[in-house]
Amino acid sequence: MKHTMRKSFLLSLVLIFLGNYAMADAIPSKIKARLDAVVPGYDASSVKPSAVPGLYEFVGSGRVLYISEDGRYIVNGNVIDMEGQQNLTEQSQRKVTIKLINGYDEKKMITFSPEGKPKHIITVFTDVDCPYCSMLHKEVPKLNDAGIEVRYLMYPRAGEGSPTYHKSVSAWCNDDQQKAISVAKEGGVVARKTCDDPVKEQFELGKLIGVTGTPTLILENGKILPGFVPAAQLIKIIDDQA
């Protein structure tokens, strides 16, 4: 049994390798050479022709970018289809964002769940000292009542080593994470605690996604909502996105 499982696992690795190799081999040589030189760690499987002739789309450092067919120019901006009135870059970016969020271990998040199975899930990058984050946190019971699960990722804007960073660590390391983060957001004192915490990696994940302020909300389809949104309005937005 173990031998069969090992063979299956190795076969999966081979197929993934061959798939990535084939994808990389399909990239025009000038584009591949330029990306290899100036965008270390870009996602080779993401390189594809865009809707704009002569431009290729790719993902680098979590962002959707474009490169000219001759490899000379890299473009950081939105491609908008005026006929369809669609932001094509945002559509691609949503897929990248939700892939990053879904690939993160939800057990490392501080979660406020509704009774029963959630109808929807939102992921929130939060700062325990942010007033607008506190305002949103007061809306969580209403969101839970509407069947919406709220999952928190720490994003201490002041950075690693700041008082906010240490409060975030203490809240996460607390035996009662929900109570601790609620107390911190209300301006209360949370006992200093340390542990093998994920605050730094969550902060880095936020930067990779493009978080610049808090709260930043990520919907199930990858749409990003920056800033505080009252529960009633947020519920409507979420229902409309479903």
C-alpha atoms as a PDB file:
ATOM      1  CA  MET A   1       0.000   0.000   0.000  1.00  0.00           C
ATOM      2  CA  LYS A   2       2.753   2.428   1.018  1.00  0.00           C
ATOM      3  CA  HIS A   3       4.714   1.495  -2.115  1.00  0.00           C
ATOM      4  CA  THR A   4       1.671   2.205  -4.309  1.00  0.00           C
ATOM      5  CA  MET A   5       1.059   5.576  -2.604  1.00  0.00           C
ATOM      6  CA  ARG A   6       4.720   6.512  -3.041  1.00  0.00           C
ATOM      7  CA  LYS A   7       4.594   5.630  -6.755  1.00  0.00           C
ATOM      8  CA  SER A   8       1.418   7.685  -7.154  1.00  0.00           C
ATOM      9  CA  PHE A   9       3.013  10.651  -5.391  1.00  0.00           C
ATOM     10  CA  LEU A  10       6.167  10.444  -7.516  1.00  0.00           C
ATOM     11  CA  LEU A  11       4.061  10.184 -10.672  1.00  0.00           C
ATOM     12  CA  SER A  12       2.180  13.342  -9.650  1.00  0.00           C
ATOM     13  CA  LEU A  13       5.467  15.185  -9.174  1.00  0.00           C
ATOM     14  CA  VAL A  14       6.676  14.058 -12.593  1.00  0.00           C
ATOM     15  CA  LEU A  15       3.441  15.205 -14.258  1.00  0.00           C
ATOM     16  CA  ILE A  16       3.643  18.591 -12.528  1.00  0.00           C
ATOM     17  CA  PHE A  17       7.277  18.968 -13.586  1.00  0.00           C
ATOM     18  CA  LEU A  18       6.514  18.024 -17.184  1.00  0.00           C
ATOM     19  CA  GLY A  19       3.530  20.370 -17.230  1.00  0.00           C
ATOM     20  CA  ASN A  20       5.607  23.291 -15.959  1.00  0.00           C
ATOM     21  CA  TYR A  21       8.416  22.424 -18.350  1.00  0.00           C
ATOM     22  CA  ALA A  22       6.032  22.319 -21.306  1.00  0.00           C
ATOM     23  CA  MET A  23       4.489  25.633 -20.246  1.00  0.00           C
ATOM     24  CA  ALA A  24       7.885  27.273 -19.864  1.00  0.00           C
ATOM     25  CA  ASP A  25       8.972  25.866 -23.231  1.00  0.00           C
ATOM     26  CA  ALA A  26       5.899  27.475 -24.854  1.00  0.00           C
ATOM     27  CA  ILE A  27       6.938  30.980 -23.722  1.00  0.00           C
ATOM     28  CA  PRO A  28       8.503  33.020 -26.580  1.00  0.00           C
ATOM     29  CA  SER A  29      12.278  32.950 -26.126  1.00  0.00           C
ATOM     30  CA  LYS A  30      12.709  36.751 -25.895  1.00  0.00           C
ATOM     31  CA  ILE A  31      10.037  37.000 -23.199  1.00  0.00           C
ATOM     32  CA  LYS A  32      11.463  34.089 -21.225  1.00  0.00           C
ATOM     33  CA  ALA A  33      14.991  35.515 -21.391  1.00  0.00           C
ATOM     34  CA  ARG A  34      13.866  38.925 -20.146  1.00  0.00           C
ATOM     35  CA  LEU A  35      11.662  37.548 -17.345  1.00  0.00           C
ATOM     36  CA  ASP A  36      14.405  35.146 -16.230  1.00  0.00           C
ATOM     37  CA  ALA A  37      16.780  38.106 -16.017  1.00  0.00           C
ATOM     38  CA  VAL A  38      14.651  40.793 -14.372  1.00  0.00           C
ATOM     39  CA  VAL A  39      11.708  39.084 -12.622  1.00  0.00           C
ATOM     40  CA  PRO A  40      13.142  36.312 -10.425  1.00  0.00           C
ATOM     41  CA  GLY A  41      10.483  33.955  -9.143  1.00  0.00           C
ATOM     42  CA  TYR A  42       7.842  34.858 -11.731  1.00  0.00           C
ATOM     43  CA  ASP A  43       5.165  32.236 -12.339  1.00  0.00           C
ATOM     44  CA  ALA A  44       6.158  30.621 -15.632  1.00  0.00           C
ATOM     45  CA  SER A  45       2.798  28.845 -15.872  1.00  0.00           C
ATOM     46  CA  SER A  46       1.033  32.236 -15.868  1.00  0.00           C
ATOM     47  CA  VAL A  47       2.675  33.594 -19.040  1.00  0.00           C
ATOM     48  CA  LYS A  48       0.118  33.808 -21.841  1.00  0.00           C
ATOM     49  CA  PRO A  49      -0.968  36.135 -24.664  1.00  0.00           C
ATOM     50  CA  SER A  50      -3.185  38.946 -23.358  1.00  0.00           C
ATOM     51  CA  ALA A  51      -6.234  40.382 -25.104  1.00  0.00           C
ATOM     52  CA  VAL A  52      -3.971  43.129 -26.482  1.00  0.00           C
ATOM     53  CA  PRO A  53      -1.979  42.059 -29.553  1.00  0.00           C
ATOM     54  CA  GLY A  54       1.747  42.083 -28.824  1.00  0.00           C
ATOM     55  CA  LEU A  55       1.354  41.962 -25.026  1.00  0.00           C
ATOM     56  CA  TYR A  56       1.795  38.881 -22.862  1.00  0.00           C
ATOM     57  CA  GLU A  57       0.334  38.584 -19.368  1.00  0.00           C
ATOM     58  CA  PHE A  58       2.318  37.116 -16.473  1.00  0.00           C
ATOM     59  CA  VAL A  59       2.324  37.028 -12.671  1.00  0.00           C
ATOM     60  CA  GLY A  60       5.318  38.317 -10.732  1.00  0.00           C
ATOM     61  CA  SER A  61       5.422  38.791  -6.947  1.00  0.00           C
ATOM     62  CA  GLY A  62       1.684  38.198  -6.738  1.00  0.00           C
ATOM     63  CA  ARG A  63       0.814  40.922  -9.277  1.00  0.00           C
ATOM     64  CA  VAL A  64      -0.574  40.661 -12.808  1.00  0.00           C
ATOM     65  CA  LEU A  65       1.819  42.399 -15.226  1.00  0.00           C
ATOM     66  CA  TYR A  66       2.407  42.551 -18.965  1.00  0.00           C
ATOM     67  CA  ILE A  67       5.442  42.234 -21.206  1.00  0.00           C
ATOM     68  CA  SER A  68       5.859  43.134 -24.867  1.00  0.00           C
ATOM     69  CA  GLU A  69       6.347  40.360 -27.388  1.00  0.00           C
ATOM     70  CA  ASP A  70       9.966  41.356 -27.971  1.00  0.00           C
ATOM     71  CA  GLY A  71      10.691  41.317 -24.215  1.00  0.00           C
ATOM     72  CA  ARG A  72      11.685  44.980 -24.189  1.00  0.00           C
ATOM     73  CA  TYR A  73       8.849  46.554 -22.172  1.00  0.00           C
ATOM     74  CA  ILE A  74       7.109  45.526 -18.962  1.00  0.00           C
ATOM     75  CA  VAL A  75       3.779  47.220 -18.258  1.00  0.00           C
ATOM     76  CA  ASN A  76       2.251  47.649 -14.803  1.00  0.00           C
ATOM     77  CA  GLY A  77      -1.326  48.832 -15.252  1.00  0.00           C
ATOM     78  CA  ASN A  78      -4.908  47.925 -16.089  1.00  0.00           C
ATOM     79  CA  VAL A  79      -6.066  46.562 -19.408  1.00  0.00           C
ATOM     80  CA  ILE A  80      -9.685  47.617 -19.928  1.00  0.00           C
ATOM     81  CA  ASP A  81     -11.943  46.195 -22.633  1.00  0.00           C
ATOM     82  CA  MET A  82     -13.956  49.239 -23.692  1.00  0.00           C
ATOM     83  CA  GLU A  83     -16.391  47.181 -25.749  1.00  0.00           C
ATOM     84  CA  GLY A  84     -17.214  44.822 -22.898  1.00  0.00           C
ATOM     85  CA  GLN A  85     -16.640  47.485 -20.216  1.00  0.00           C
ATOM     86  CA  GLN A  86     -14.486  45.039 -18.288  1.00  0.00           C
ATOM     87  CA  ASN A  87     -11.229  45.470 -16.399  1.00  0.00           C
ATOM     88  CA  LEU A  88      -9.360  42.412 -17.675  1.00  0.00           C
ATOM     89  CA  THR A  89      -6.421  42.966 -15.338  1.00  0.00           C
ATOM     90  CA  GLU A  90      -8.683  42.983 -12.280  1.00  0.00           C
ATOM     91  CA  GLN A  91     -10.306  39.745 -13.421  1.00  0.00           C
ATOM     92  CA  SER A  92      -6.911  38.062 -13.682  1.00  0.00           C
ATOM     93  CA  GLN A  93      -5.733  39.602 -10.402  1.00  0.00           C
ATOM     94  CA  ARG A  94      -8.757  38.200  -8.585  1.00  0.00           C
ATOM     95  CA  LYS A  95      -7.751  34.687  -9.607  1.00  0.00           C
ATOM     96  CA  VAL A  96      -4.221  35.264  -8.318  1.00  0.00           C
ATOM     97  CA  THR A  97      -5.489  36.747  -5.044  1.00  0.00           C
ATOM     98  CA  ILE A  98      -7.945  33.966  -4.274  1.00  0.00           C
ATOM     99  CA  LYS A  99      -5.295  31.363  -5.124  1.00  0.00           C
ATOM    100  CA  LEU A 100      -2.967  32.957  -2.545  1.00  0.00           C
ATOM    101  CA  ILE A 101      -5.731  33.168   0.079  1.00  0.00           C
ATOM    102  CA  ASN A 102      -7.009  29.629  -0.505  1.00  0.00           C
ATOM    103  CA  GLY A 103      -3.445  28.351  -0.395  1.00  0.00           C
ATOM    104  CA  TYR A 104      -2.942  29.737   3.106  1.00  0.00           C
ATOM    105  CA  ASP A 105      -3.647  27.518   6.121  1.00  0.00           C
ATOM    106  CA  GLU A 106      -6.992  28.659   7.525  1.00  0.00           C
ATOM    107  CA  LYS A 107      -6.052  27.133  10.893  1.00  0.00           C
ATOM    108  CA  LYS A 108      -3.619  30.030  11.278  1.00  0.00           C
ATOM    109  CA  MET A 109      -6.440  32.567  10.944  1.00  0.00           C
ATOM    110  CA  ILE A 110      -8.559  33.886  13.821  1.00  0.00           C
ATOM    111  CA  THR A 111     -12.066  32.980  12.738  1.00  0.00           C
ATOM    112  CA  PHE A 112     -15.505  34.176  13.772  1.00  0.00           C
ATOM    113  CA  SER A 113     -18.033  31.677  12.428  1.00  0.00           C
ATOM    114  CA  PRO A 114     -21.827  31.770  12.178  1.00  0.00           C
ATOM    115  CA  GLU A 115     -23.990  28.962  13.513  1.00  0.00           C
ATOM    116  CA  GLY A 116     -24.190  26.115  11.053  1.00  0.00           C
ATOM    117  CA  LYS A 117     -22.460  26.029   7.678  1.00  0.00           C
ATOM    118  CA  PRO A 118     -21.338  29.478   6.457  1.00  0.00           C
ATOM    119  CA  LYS A 119     -23.097  30.885   3.398  1.00  0.00           C
ATOM    120  CA  HIS A 120     -20.096  33.034   2.568  1.00  0.00           C
ATOM    121  CA  ILE A 121     -16.554  33.627   3.816  1.00  0.00           C
ATOM    122  CA  ILE A 122     -14.580  36.864   3.882  1.00  0.00           C
ATOM    123  CA  THR A 123     -10.909  37.152   4.763  1.00  0.00           C
ATOM    124  CA  VAL A 124      -9.789  40.371   6.437  1.00  0.00           C
ATOM    125  CA  PHE A 125      -6.281  41.751   6.823  1.00  0.00           C
ATOM    126  CA  THR A 126      -6.529  43.614  10.119  1.00  0.00           C
ATOM    127  CA  ASP A 127      -4.487  45.841  12.415  1.00  0.00           C
ATOM    128  CA  VAL A 128      -5.422  45.615  16.103  1.00  0.00           C
ATOM    129  CA  ASP A 129      -4.730  49.344  16.592  1.00  0.00           C
ATOM    130  CA  CYS A 130      -6.658  50.503  13.520  1.00  0.00           C
ATOM    131  CA  PRO A 131      -9.882  52.453  14.368  1.00  0.00           C
ATOM    132  CA  TYR A 132     -11.632  51.373  11.175  1.00  0.00           C
ATOM    133  CA  CYS A 133     -10.697  47.749  11.908  1.00  0.00           C
ATOM    134  CA  SER A 134     -12.343  48.183  15.301  1.00  0.00           C
ATOM    135  CA  MET A 135     -15.465  49.570  13.617  1.00  0.00           C
ATOM    136  CA  LEU A 136     -15.597  46.577  11.292  1.00  0.00           C
ATOM    137  CA  HIS A 137     -15.086  44.186  14.202  1.00  0.00           C
ATOM    138  CA  LYS A 138     -18.204  45.592  15.877  1.00  0.00           C
ATOM    139  CA  GLU A 139     -20.118  44.562  12.725  1.00  0.00           C
ATOM    140  CA  VAL A 140     -18.943  40.932  12.905  1.00  0.00           C
ATOM    141  CA  PRO A 141     -21.982  39.701  14.917  1.00  0.00           C
ATOM    142  CA  LYS A 142     -24.283  41.092  12.197  1.00  0.00           C
ATOM    143  CA  LEU A 143     -22.194  39.396   9.524  1.00  0.00           C
ATOM    144  CA  ASN A 144     -22.314  36.113  11.442  1.00  0.00           C
ATOM    145  CA  ASP A 145     -26.096  36.453  11.788  1.00  0.00           C
ATOM    146  CA  ALA A 146     -26.242  36.735   7.985  1.00  0.00           C
ATOM    147  CA  GLY A 147     -24.281  33.476   7.674  1.00  0.00           C
ATOM    148  CA  ILE A 148     -20.958  35.128   6.833  1.00  0.00           C
ATOM    149  CA  GLU A 149     -17.744  33.762   8.330  1.00  0.00           C
ATOM    150  CA  VAL A 150     -15.035  36.335   9.073  1.00  0.00           C
ATOM    151  CA  ARG A 151     -11.418  35.158   9.007  1.00  0.00           C
ATOM    152  CA  TYR A 152      -8.694  37.502  10.279  1.00  0.00           C
ATOM    153  CA  LEU A 153      -5.123  37.716   9.050  1.00  0.00           C
ATOM    154  CA  MET A 154      -2.775  40.005  10.960  1.00  0.00           C
ATOM    155  CA  TYR A 155      -1.422  43.060   9.160  1.00  0.00           C
ATOM    156  CA  PRO A 156       0.367  45.328  11.678  1.00  0.00           C
ATOM    157  CA  ARG A 157       0.954  48.370   9.477  1.00  0.00           C
ATOM    158  CA  ALA A 158       3.735  49.726  11.694  1.00  0.00           C
ATOM    159  CA  GLY A 159       5.791  46.678  10.805  1.00  0.00           C
ATOM    160  CA  GLU A 160       7.744  43.980  12.563  1.00  0.00           C
ATOM    161  CA  GLY A 161       8.885  44.839  16.086  1.00  0.00           C
ATOM    162  CA  SER A 162       6.316  47.625  16.583  1.00  0.00           C
ATOM    163  CA  PRO A 163       3.951  47.701  19.609  1.00  0.00           C
ATOM    164  CA  THR A 164       1.089  46.783  17.248  1.00  0.00           C
ATOM    165  CA  TYR A 165       3.096  43.827  15.978  1.00  0.00           C
ATOM    166  CA  HIS A 166       3.638  42.547  19.526  1.00  0.00           C
ATOM    167  CA  LYS A 167      -0.062  43.006  20.337  1.00  0.00           C
ATOM    168  CA  SER A 168      -0.908  40.973  17.242  1.00  0.00           C
ATOM    169  CA  VAL A 169       1.436  38.191  18.364  1.00  0.00           C
ATOM    170  CA  SER A 170      -0.020  38.243  21.871  1.00  0.00           C
ATOM    171  CA  ALA A 171      -3.579  38.013  20.545  1.00  0.00           C
ATOM    172  CA  TRP A 172      -2.717  35.129  18.248  1.00  0.00           C
ATOM    173  CA  CYS A 173      -0.790  33.259  20.966  1.00  0.00           C
ATOM    174  CA  ASN A 174      -3.614  33.667  23.491  1.00  0.00           C
ATOM    175  CA  ASP A 175      -5.575  30.578  24.510  1.00  0.00           C
ATOM    176  CA  ASP A 176      -8.775  32.469  23.614  1.00  0.00           C
ATOM    177  CA  GLN A 177      -7.836  34.160  20.356  1.00  0.00           C
ATOM    178  CA  GLN A 178     -11.293  35.585  19.682  1.00  0.00           C
ATOM    179  CA  LYS A 179     -11.499  37.253  23.084  1.00  0.00           C
ATOM    180  CA  ALA A 180      -7.917  38.520  22.901  1.00  0.00           C
ATOM    181  CA  ILE A 181      -8.279  40.147  19.484  1.00  0.00           C
ATOM    182  CA  SER A 182     -11.595  41.678  20.554  1.00  0.00           C
ATOM    183  CA  VAL A 183      -9.999  43.173  23.682  1.00  0.00           C
ATOM    184  CA  ALA A 184      -7.068  44.503  21.651  1.00  0.00           C
ATOM    185  CA  LYS A 185      -9.373  46.125  19.102  1.00  0.00           C
ATOM    186  CA  GLU A 186     -11.325  47.802  21.912  1.00  0.00           C
ATOM    187  CA  GLY A 187      -8.123  49.360  23.251  1.00  0.00           C
ATOM    188  CA  GLY A 188      -7.811  46.945  26.153  1.00  0.00           C
ATOM    189  CA  VAL A 189      -4.661  45.316  27.448  1.00  0.00           C
ATOM    190  CA  VAL A 190      -3.777  41.824  26.245  1.00  0.00           C
ATOM    191  CA  ALA A 191      -1.182  39.983  28.307  1.00  0.00           C
ATOM    192  CA  ARG A 192       2.139  39.739  26.469  1.00  0.00           C
ATOM    193  CA  LYS A 193       2.551  36.274  25.020  1.00  0.00           C
ATOM    194  CA  THR A 194       4.875  34.704  22.493  1.00  0.00           C
ATOM    195  CA  CYS A 195       4.738  31.459  20.574  1.00  0.00           C
ATOM    196  CA  ASP A 196       5.463  30.047  17.145  1.00  0.00           C
ATOM    197  CA  ASP A 197       3.176  32.606  15.536  1.00  0.00           C
ATOM    198  CA  PRO A 198       2.315  33.370  11.865  1.00  0.00           C
ATOM    199  CA  VAL A 199       2.084  37.179  12.171  1.00  0.00           C
ATOM    200  CA  LYS A 200       5.164  37.894  10.056  1.00  0.00           C
ATOM    201  CA  GLU A 201       4.105  35.532   7.259  1.00  0.00           C
ATOM    202  CA  GLN A 202       0.599  37.026   7.263  1.00  0.00           C
ATOM    203  CA  PHE A 203       2.079  40.506   7.018  1.00  0.00           C
ATOM    204  CA  GLU A 204       4.220  39.354   4.081  1.00  0.00           C
ATOM    205  CA  LEU A 205       1.201  37.696   2.448  1.00  0.00           C
ATOM    206  CA  GLY A 206      -0.696  40.973   2.697  1.00  0.00           C
ATOM    207  CA  LYS A 207       2.144  42.867   1.023  1.00  0.00           C
ATOM    208  CA  LEU A 208       2.278  40.237  -1.723  1.00  0.00           C
ATOM    209  CA  ILE A 209      -1.445  40.660  -2.396  1.00  0.00           C
ATOM    210  CA  GLY A 210      -1.071  44.430  -2.432  1.00  0.00           C
ATOM    211  CA  VAL A 211      -2.548  45.409   0.925  1.00  0.00           C
ATOM    212  CA  THR A 212      -1.609  49.003   1.783  1.00  0.00           C
ATOM    213  CA  GLY A 213      -4.132  49.829   4.490  1.00  0.00           C
ATOM    214  CA  THR A 214      -6.490  48.181   6.931  1.00  0.00           C
ATOM    215  CA  PRO A 215      -8.974  46.735   7.003  1.00  0.00           C
ATOM    216  CA  THR A 216      -8.628  45.085   3.615  1.00  0.00           C
ATOM    217  CA  LEU A 217     -11.364  42.596   2.816  1.00  0.00           C
ATOM    218  CA  ILE A 218     -10.987  39.709   0.375  1.00  0.00           C
ATOM    219  CA  LEU A 219     -14.219  38.221  -0.965  1.00  0.00           C
ATOM    220  CA  GLU A 220     -14.599  34.614  -2.094  1.00  0.00           C
ATOM    221  CA  ASN A 221     -14.134  35.575  -5.757  1.00  0.00           C
ATOM    222  CA  GLY A 222     -10.875  37.416  -5.026  1.00  0.00           C
ATOM    223  CA  LYS A 223     -12.374  40.905  -5.137  1.00  0.00           C
ATOM    224  CA  ILE A 224     -10.551  43.280  -2.793  1.00  0.00           C
ATOM    225  CA  LEU A 225     -12.491  45.828  -0.746  1.00  0.00           C
ATOM    226  CA  PRO A 226     -10.214  48.374   0.964  1.00  0.00           C
ATOM    227  CA  GLY A 227     -11.459  50.115   4.094  1.00  0.00           C
ATOM    228  CA  PHE A 228     -14.437  49.890   6.436  1.00  0.00           C
ATOM    229  CA  VAL A 229     -17.766  48.764   4.988  1.00  0.00           C
ATOM    230  CA  PRO A 230     -20.886  48.703   7.246  1.00  0.00           C
ATOM    231  CA  ALA A 231     -22.451  45.255   7.665  1.00  0.00           C
ATOM    232  CA  ALA A 232     -25.656  46.023   5.770  1.00  0.00           C
ATOM    233  CA  GLN A 233     -23.744  47.318   2.741  1.00  0.00           C
ATOM    234  CA  LEU A 234     -21.173  44.525   2.922  1.00  0.00           C
ATOM    235  CA  ILE A 235     -23.857  41.834   3.054  1.00  0.00           C
ATOM    236  CA  LYS A 236     -25.437  43.268  -0.099  1.00  0.00           C
ATOM    237  CA  ILE A 237     -22.066  43.398  -1.881  1.00  0.00           C
ATOM    238  CA  ILE A 238     -21.331  39.776  -0.935  1.00  0.00           C
ATOM    239  CA  ASP A 239     -24.789  38.582  -2.024  1.00  0.00           C
ATOM    240  CA  ASP A 240     -24.438  40.418  -5.357  1.00  0.00           C
ATOM    241  CA  GLN A 241     -21.039  38.797  -5.953  1.00  0.00           C
ATOM    242  CA  ALA A 242     -22.371  35.291  -5.338  1.00  0.00           C
END
